Amino acid sequence: MKPPEALSNSVKKITYHILTVMTHYDLRSFKLCVFLVLLSERPMTVGLMSKMLGCSEANITGLRKTLESRNLVSAERPETDNRKVYLSLTNTGQEFLEHYYGSKSLPDS
């Protein structure tokens, strides 16, 4: 069954918009997952994020460095425990999500 032309055109426009935004910020889907986690829980430790996303802490650390270099995510170490790194969205990261999702937070499921 072929989708109606209007629906097909809408999907193409949405897909184009998403790809344009992700290309502008040089993001891939896994980096976007980091944003989604930070949108719902922030700040968050690298360790907890790695558990939530099912990957290594080293992987999250590499993503963090990339996202930090683009001023999308910030990382802070508490004075009490220098081993932990807390991630949070920067203003630029928040603007990205507002542009990408049209809101400041994810809707409740």
N, C-alpha and C. Protein backbone atom coordinates (compact mmCIF):
# COMPACT_ATOMS: atom_id res chain seq x y z
N MET A 1 0.84 -1.17 0.00
CA MET A 1 0.00 0.00 0.00
C MET A 1 0.89 1.24 0.00
N LYS A 2 0.68 2.10 -0.92
CA LYS A 2 1.46 3.32 -1.06
C LYS A 2 0.85 4.42 -0.17
N PRO A 3 1.72 5.14 0.61
CA PRO A 3 1.17 6.20 1.47
C PRO A 3 0.64 7.36 0.63
N PRO A 4 -0.34 8.08 1.17
CA PRO A 4 -0.85 9.25 0.45
C PRO A 4 0.27 10.25 0.18
N GLU A 5 0.19 10.93 -0.92
CA GLU A 5 1.25 11.86 -1.32
C GLU A 5 1.51 12.95 -0.27
N ALA A 6 0.46 13.48 0.34
CA ALA A 6 0.64 14.53 1.35
C ALA A 6 1.44 14.01 2.54
N LEU A 7 1.13 12.79 2.99
CA LEU A 7 1.86 12.19 4.10
C LEU A 7 3.31 11.95 3.70
N SER A 8 3.52 11.43 2.52
CA SER A 8 4.86 11.17 2.03
C SER A 8 5.69 12.46 1.98
N ASN A 9 5.09 13.53 1.51
CA ASN A 9 5.79 14.83 1.45
C ASN A 9 6.10 15.35 2.85
N SER A 10 5.17 15.17 3.80
CA SER A 10 5.41 15.62 5.17
C SER A 10 6.57 14.85 5.80
N VAL A 11 6.60 13.56 5.60
CA VAL A 11 7.68 12.74 6.14
C VAL A 11 9.01 13.17 5.54
N LYS A 12 9.03 13.45 4.25
CA LYS A 12 10.25 13.91 3.59
C LYS A 12 10.72 15.23 4.18
N LYS A 13 9.78 16.15 4.44
CA LYS A 13 10.14 17.46 5.01
C LYS A 13 10.69 17.31 6.42
N ILE A 14 10.05 16.47 7.22
CA ILE A 14 10.51 16.24 8.60
C ILE A 14 11.90 15.61 8.58
N THR A 15 12.07 14.60 7.76
CA THR A 15 13.37 13.92 7.65
C THR A 15 14.44 14.91 7.22
N TYR A 16 14.14 15.74 6.25
CA TYR A 16 15.09 16.74 5.77
C TYR A 16 15.46 17.70 6.90
N HIS A 17 14.45 18.15 7.67
CA HIS A 17 14.70 19.07 8.78
C HIS A 17 15.62 18.43 9.81
N ILE A 18 15.32 17.19 10.21
CA ILE A 18 16.13 16.49 11.21
C ILE A 18 17.57 16.34 10.72
N LEU A 19 17.73 15.92 9.48
CA LEU A 19 19.08 15.75 8.93
C LEU A 19 19.82 17.09 8.84
N THR A 20 19.11 18.16 8.50
CA THR A 20 19.72 19.48 8.43
C THR A 20 20.23 19.92 9.79
N VAL A 21 19.40 19.76 10.83
CA VAL A 21 19.79 20.15 12.18
C VAL A 21 20.97 19.29 12.66
N MET A 22 20.88 17.99 12.45
CA MET A 22 21.96 17.11 12.91
C MET A 22 23.25 17.38 12.15
N THR A 23 23.16 17.70 10.87
CA THR A 23 24.35 18.03 10.08
C THR A 23 24.96 19.34 10.58
N HIS A 24 24.11 20.32 10.86
CA HIS A 24 24.59 21.62 11.35
C HIS A 24 25.41 21.44 12.64
N TYR A 25 24.95 20.59 13.54
CA TYR A 25 25.64 20.34 14.79
C TYR A 25 26.61 19.16 14.71
N ASP A 26 26.75 18.56 13.53
CA ASP A 26 27.62 17.41 13.30
C ASP A 26 27.36 16.30 14.32
N LEU A 27 26.10 15.90 14.42
CA LEU A 27 25.69 14.87 15.35
C LEU A 27 25.28 13.61 14.63
N ARG A 28 25.48 12.50 15.27
CA ARG A 28 24.98 11.21 14.81
C ARG A 28 23.98 10.73 15.84
N SER A 29 23.30 9.66 15.55
CA SER A 29 22.20 9.23 16.41
C SER A 29 22.63 8.94 17.84
N PHE A 30 23.81 8.36 18.06
CA PHE A 30 24.21 8.04 19.43
C PHE A 30 24.48 9.31 20.24
N LYS A 31 25.05 10.32 19.60
CA LYS A 31 25.27 11.59 20.29
C LYS A 31 23.93 12.22 20.65
N LEU A 32 22.96 12.03 19.79
CA LEU A 32 21.63 12.54 20.08
C LEU A 32 21.04 11.84 21.30
N CYS A 33 21.34 10.56 21.48
CA CYS A 33 20.88 9.82 22.66
C CYS A 33 21.42 10.46 23.94
N VAL A 34 22.66 10.94 23.90
CA VAL A 34 23.24 11.62 25.06
C VAL A 34 22.39 12.84 25.40
N PHE A 35 21.99 13.59 24.40
CA PHE A 35 21.13 14.75 24.62
C PHE A 35 19.80 14.35 25.24
N LEU A 36 19.21 13.30 24.72
CA LEU A 36 17.91 12.87 25.23
C LEU A 36 17.99 12.46 26.69
N VAL A 37 19.07 11.79 27.06
CA VAL A 37 19.25 11.40 28.46
C VAL A 37 19.43 12.64 29.31
N LEU A 38 20.24 13.59 28.86
CA LEU A 38 20.47 14.81 29.63
C LEU A 38 19.21 15.68 29.70
N LEU A 39 18.36 15.56 28.73
CA LEU A 39 17.12 16.33 28.74
C LEU A 39 16.22 15.86 29.87
N SER A 40 16.21 14.56 30.12
CA SER A 40 15.33 14.04 31.15
C SER A 40 15.98 13.99 32.53
N GLU A 41 17.28 13.82 32.59
CA GLU A 41 18.00 13.72 33.87
C GLU A 41 19.27 14.55 33.78
N ARG A 42 19.32 15.64 34.50
CA ARG A 42 20.54 16.43 34.47
C ARG A 42 20.79 17.08 35.81
N PRO A 43 21.98 17.33 36.22
CA PRO A 43 23.18 16.75 35.63
C PRO A 43 23.25 15.25 35.89
N MET A 44 24.09 14.58 35.15
CA MET A 44 24.21 13.13 35.25
C MET A 44 25.67 12.74 35.17
N THR A 45 26.04 11.73 35.94
CA THR A 45 27.43 11.26 35.90
C THR A 45 27.67 10.46 34.62
N VAL A 46 28.91 10.46 34.21
CA VAL A 46 29.32 9.66 33.04
C VAL A 46 29.00 8.19 33.28
N GLY A 47 29.25 7.71 34.50
CA GLY A 47 29.00 6.31 34.83
C GLY A 47 27.53 5.93 34.69
N LEU A 48 26.64 6.77 35.21
CA LEU A 48 25.22 6.48 35.11
C LEU A 48 24.75 6.53 33.66
N MET A 49 25.26 7.51 32.90
CA MET A 49 24.87 7.60 31.50
C MET A 49 25.32 6.37 30.73
N SER A 50 26.52 5.89 31.01
CA SER A 50 27.01 4.70 30.30
C SER A 50 26.13 3.50 30.59
N LYS A 51 25.65 3.38 31.83
CA LYS A 51 24.74 2.29 32.18
C LYS A 51 23.40 2.44 31.46
N MET A 52 22.89 3.66 31.42
CA MET A 52 21.59 3.89 30.77
C MET A 52 21.64 3.61 29.28
N LEU A 53 22.77 3.94 28.64
CA LEU A 53 22.89 3.77 27.20
C LEU A 53 23.53 2.44 26.81
N GLY A 54 23.97 1.68 27.81
CA GLY A 54 24.53 0.36 27.53
C GLY A 54 25.87 0.39 26.81
N CYS A 55 26.72 1.31 27.21
CA CYS A 55 28.05 1.40 26.58
C CYS A 55 29.09 1.66 27.67
N SER A 56 30.34 1.72 27.28
CA SER A 56 31.41 1.93 28.25
C SER A 56 31.51 3.40 28.65
N GLU A 57 32.11 3.62 29.83
CA GLU A 57 32.35 4.99 30.27
C GLU A 57 33.32 5.69 29.33
N ALA A 58 34.27 4.93 28.77
CA ALA A 58 35.23 5.50 27.82
C ALA A 58 34.50 6.04 26.58
N ASN A 59 33.48 5.33 26.13
CA ASN A 59 32.69 5.77 24.99
C ASN A 59 31.99 7.09 25.31
N ILE A 60 31.38 7.18 26.48
CA ILE A 60 30.70 8.41 26.88
C ILE A 60 31.71 9.54 27.04
N THR A 61 32.89 9.23 27.57
CA THR A 61 33.92 10.26 27.73
C THR A 61 34.33 10.82 26.37
N GLY A 62 34.49 9.95 25.39
CA GLY A 62 34.81 10.41 24.03
C GLY A 62 33.71 11.29 23.46
N LEU A 63 32.48 10.88 23.65
CA LEU A 63 31.35 11.70 23.18
C LEU A 63 31.31 13.03 23.92
N ARG A 64 31.57 12.97 25.23
CA ARG A 64 31.56 14.21 26.03
C ARG A 64 32.57 15.20 25.49
N LYS A 65 33.77 14.73 25.17
CA LYS A 65 34.80 15.63 24.67
C LYS A 65 34.38 16.27 23.35
N THR A 66 33.77 15.48 22.49
CA THR A 66 33.29 16.02 21.21
C THR A 66 32.20 17.05 21.44
N LEU A 67 31.23 16.72 22.29
CA LEU A 67 30.12 17.63 22.55
C LEU A 67 30.56 18.87 23.31
N GLU A 68 31.56 18.72 24.19
CA GLU A 68 32.12 19.88 24.89
C GLU A 68 32.81 20.82 23.91
N SER A 69 33.54 20.26 22.96
CA SER A 69 34.26 21.09 22.00
C SER A 69 33.29 21.92 21.14
N ARG A 70 32.06 21.46 21.02
CA ARG A 70 31.02 22.19 20.27
C ARG A 70 30.14 23.04 21.19
N ASN A 71 30.52 23.10 22.47
CA ASN A 71 29.78 23.87 23.47
C ASN A 71 28.33 23.42 23.59
N LEU A 72 28.08 22.12 23.48
CA LEU A 72 26.73 21.59 23.61
C LEU A 72 26.51 20.95 24.98
N VAL A 73 27.60 20.46 25.59
CA VAL A 73 27.54 19.80 26.89
C VAL A 73 28.68 20.34 27.74
N SER A 74 28.42 20.48 29.03
CA SER A 74 29.50 20.87 29.95
C SER A 74 29.74 19.73 30.92
N ALA A 75 30.97 19.65 31.42
CA ALA A 75 31.36 18.60 32.37
C ALA A 75 31.99 19.27 33.59
N GLU A 76 31.57 18.81 34.76
CA GLU A 76 32.12 19.35 36.00
C GLU A 76 32.48 18.23 36.95
N ARG A 77 33.56 18.43 37.66
CA ARG A 77 33.99 17.47 38.69
C ARG A 77 33.71 18.11 40.05
N PRO A 78 33.02 17.40 40.92
CA PRO A 78 32.79 17.96 42.26
C PRO A 78 34.09 17.98 43.07
N GLU A 79 34.21 18.94 43.95
CA GLU A 79 35.41 19.04 44.78
C GLU A 79 35.56 17.85 45.72
N THR A 80 34.43 17.25 46.10
CA THR A 80 34.46 16.15 47.07
C THR A 80 34.88 14.81 46.47
N ASP A 81 34.69 14.62 45.16
CA ASP A 81 35.04 13.34 44.53
C ASP A 81 35.50 13.62 43.11
N ASN A 82 36.81 13.71 42.94
CA ASN A 82 37.39 14.09 41.65
C ASN A 82 37.25 12.99 40.60
N ARG A 83 36.83 11.78 40.99
CA ARG A 83 36.68 10.69 40.04
C ARG A 83 35.40 10.83 39.21
N LYS A 84 34.39 11.48 39.76
CA LYS A 84 33.12 11.61 39.06
C LYS A 84 33.12 12.81 38.14
N VAL A 85 32.42 12.68 37.03
CA VAL A 85 32.24 13.79 36.09
C VAL A 85 30.74 13.91 35.85
N TYR A 86 30.21 15.09 36.10
CA TYR A 86 28.79 15.35 35.89
C TYR A 86 28.61 16.10 34.57
N LEU A 87 27.70 15.59 33.76
CA LEU A 87 27.40 16.21 32.47
C LEU A 87 26.09 16.97 32.55
N SER A 88 26.04 18.08 31.85
CA SER A 88 24.79 18.83 31.74
C SER A 88 24.81 19.58 30.41
N LEU A 89 23.63 19.99 30.00
CA LEU A 89 23.51 20.74 28.74
C LEU A 89 23.97 22.17 28.94
N THR A 90 24.61 22.72 27.94
CA THR A 90 24.92 24.14 27.94
C THR A 90 23.71 24.88 27.36
N ASN A 91 23.76 26.18 27.36
CA ASN A 91 22.68 26.96 26.73
C ASN A 91 22.57 26.60 25.26
N THR A 92 23.71 26.42 24.59
CA THR A 92 23.69 26.04 23.18
C THR A 92 23.06 24.67 23.00
N GLY A 93 23.37 23.73 23.91
CA GLY A 93 22.77 22.41 23.85
C GLY A 93 21.27 22.47 24.07
N GLN A 94 20.85 23.31 25.00
CA GLN A 94 19.42 23.49 25.25
C GLN A 94 18.74 24.09 24.03
N GLU A 95 19.38 25.07 23.39
CA GLU A 95 18.82 25.67 22.17
C GLU A 95 18.69 24.62 21.06
N PHE A 96 19.69 23.74 20.96
CA PHE A 96 19.63 22.67 19.98
C PHE A 96 18.38 21.83 20.21
N LEU A 97 18.15 21.42 21.46
CA LEU A 97 17.00 20.58 21.75
C LEU A 97 15.69 21.31 21.51
N GLU A 98 15.65 22.59 21.85
CA GLU A 98 14.44 23.36 21.59
C GLU A 98 14.18 23.44 20.09
N HIS A 99 15.24 23.59 19.32
CA HIS A 99 15.09 23.66 17.87
C HIS A 99 14.69 22.29 17.31
N TYR A 100 15.31 21.24 17.83
CA TYR A 100 15.09 19.89 17.32
C TYR A 100 13.74 19.34 17.74
N TYR A 101 13.38 19.56 19.01
CA TYR A 101 12.13 19.01 19.53
C TYR A 101 11.02 20.04 19.68
N GLY A 102 11.37 21.31 19.68
CA GLY A 102 10.35 22.34 19.85
C GLY A 102 9.90 22.52 21.28
N SER A 103 10.64 21.95 22.25
CA SER A 103 10.29 22.13 23.65
C SER A 103 11.55 21.99 24.50
N LYS A 104 11.41 22.36 25.79
CA LYS A 104 12.55 22.28 26.69
C LYS A 104 12.65 20.95 27.41
N SER A 105 11.66 20.12 27.27
CA SER A 105 11.71 18.80 27.91
C SER A 105 10.88 17.80 27.12
N LEU A 106 11.15 16.55 27.36
CA LEU A 106 10.40 15.51 26.69
C LEU A 106 9.03 15.36 27.33
N PRO A 107 8.02 15.06 26.55
CA PRO A 107 6.70 14.84 27.14
C PRO A 107 6.71 13.58 28.00
N ASP A 108 5.86 13.56 29.03
CA ASP A 108 5.74 12.37 29.86
C ASP A 108 5.15 11.24 29.05
N SER A 109 5.66 10.02 29.30
CA SER A 109 5.17 8.87 28.56
C SER A 109 3.91 8.33 29.19
